[in-house]
Every structure is written in C-alpha cells, then in structure tokens.
Protein backbone atom coordinates (compact mmCIF):
# COMPACT_ATOMS: atom_id res chain seq x y z
CA MET A 1 88.38 131.78 124.59
CA LYS A 2 91.86 131.81 126.11
CA VAL A 3 91.13 128.52 127.90
CA LEU A 4 90.24 126.96 124.55
CA ALA A 5 93.46 128.26 123.03
CA TRP A 6 95.55 126.87 125.89
CA MET A 7 93.80 123.49 125.56
CA PHE A 8 94.58 123.58 121.84
CA LEU A 9 98.24 124.42 122.52
CA GLY A 10 98.40 121.50 124.97
CA ALA A 11 97.17 119.15 122.22
CA ILE A 12 99.89 120.24 119.76
CA PRO A 13 102.52 117.60 120.71
CA ILE A 14 99.90 114.84 120.33
CA SER A 15 98.75 116.23 117.00
CA MET A 16 102.33 116.51 115.72
CA GLY A 17 102.95 112.90 116.74
CA VAL A 18 99.83 111.81 114.84
CA PHE A 19 100.82 113.82 111.74
CA PHE A 20 104.34 112.36 111.87
CA SER A 21 103.02 108.79 112.18
CA LEU A 22 100.60 109.32 109.29
CA GLU A 23 103.26 110.84 107.05
CA VAL A 24 105.67 107.97 107.74
CA GLY A 25 103.10 105.16 107.65
CA VAL A 26 101.02 106.37 104.70
CA TRP A 27 103.71 107.94 102.51
CA TRP A 28 101.55 107.78 99.36
CA ALA A 29 99.07 110.23 100.95
CA GLY A 30 101.83 112.85 101.30
CA PRO A 31 100.13 115.66 99.33
CA VAL A 32 96.89 115.26 101.31
CA LEU A 33 98.75 115.33 104.62
CA LEU A 34 100.83 118.27 103.44
CA GLY A 35 97.62 120.20 102.81
CA GLY A 36 96.38 119.17 106.25
CA SER A 37 99.67 120.24 107.83
CA THR A 38 99.42 123.66 106.13
CA LEU A 39 95.90 124.13 107.53
CA PHE A 40 97.21 122.96 110.93
CA VAL A 41 99.95 125.62 110.88
CA ILE A 42 97.44 128.37 110.00
CA VAL A 43 95.19 127.33 112.90
CA LEU A 44 98.23 127.10 115.17
CA ILE A 45 99.28 130.69 114.34
CA TRP A 46 95.70 131.87 114.97
CA ALA A 47 95.66 130.12 118.36
CA ILE A 48 98.97 131.68 119.40
CA ARG A 49 97.75 135.15 118.39
CA THR A 50 94.57 134.56 120.41
CA VAL A 51 96.63 133.66 123.49
CA VAL A 52 98.96 136.64 123.06
CA GLU A 53 96.03 139.05 122.77
C-alpha cells in the first residue's frame, strides 16, 4: 500500500501540469475542472495520510 502511495505522490507534478493545462486551455469547463481538482485534493490528502501511517 505504501508503494502505491509513493507512486501516486510521484505522479502529482504530472497531474498538476495536466490540470493547469486543462484549466488554461479549456477555460469554459472551469466548474467541472474545479470539481475534479477538489476530488484530487481529497485523494491527495488521503495518500499523504497513508504514507505517514
């Protein structure tokens, strides 16, 4: 489980770059991406807690 969490943490910069590109390139989909970003943050917090434990 910790290996999965570390792999997930390693993918964060890529994911953030993708989110940033989408938000800039497809500005009219802002609310949808905002919802996706909120879900992303929740999963991110869960992954960090998993690593810490």
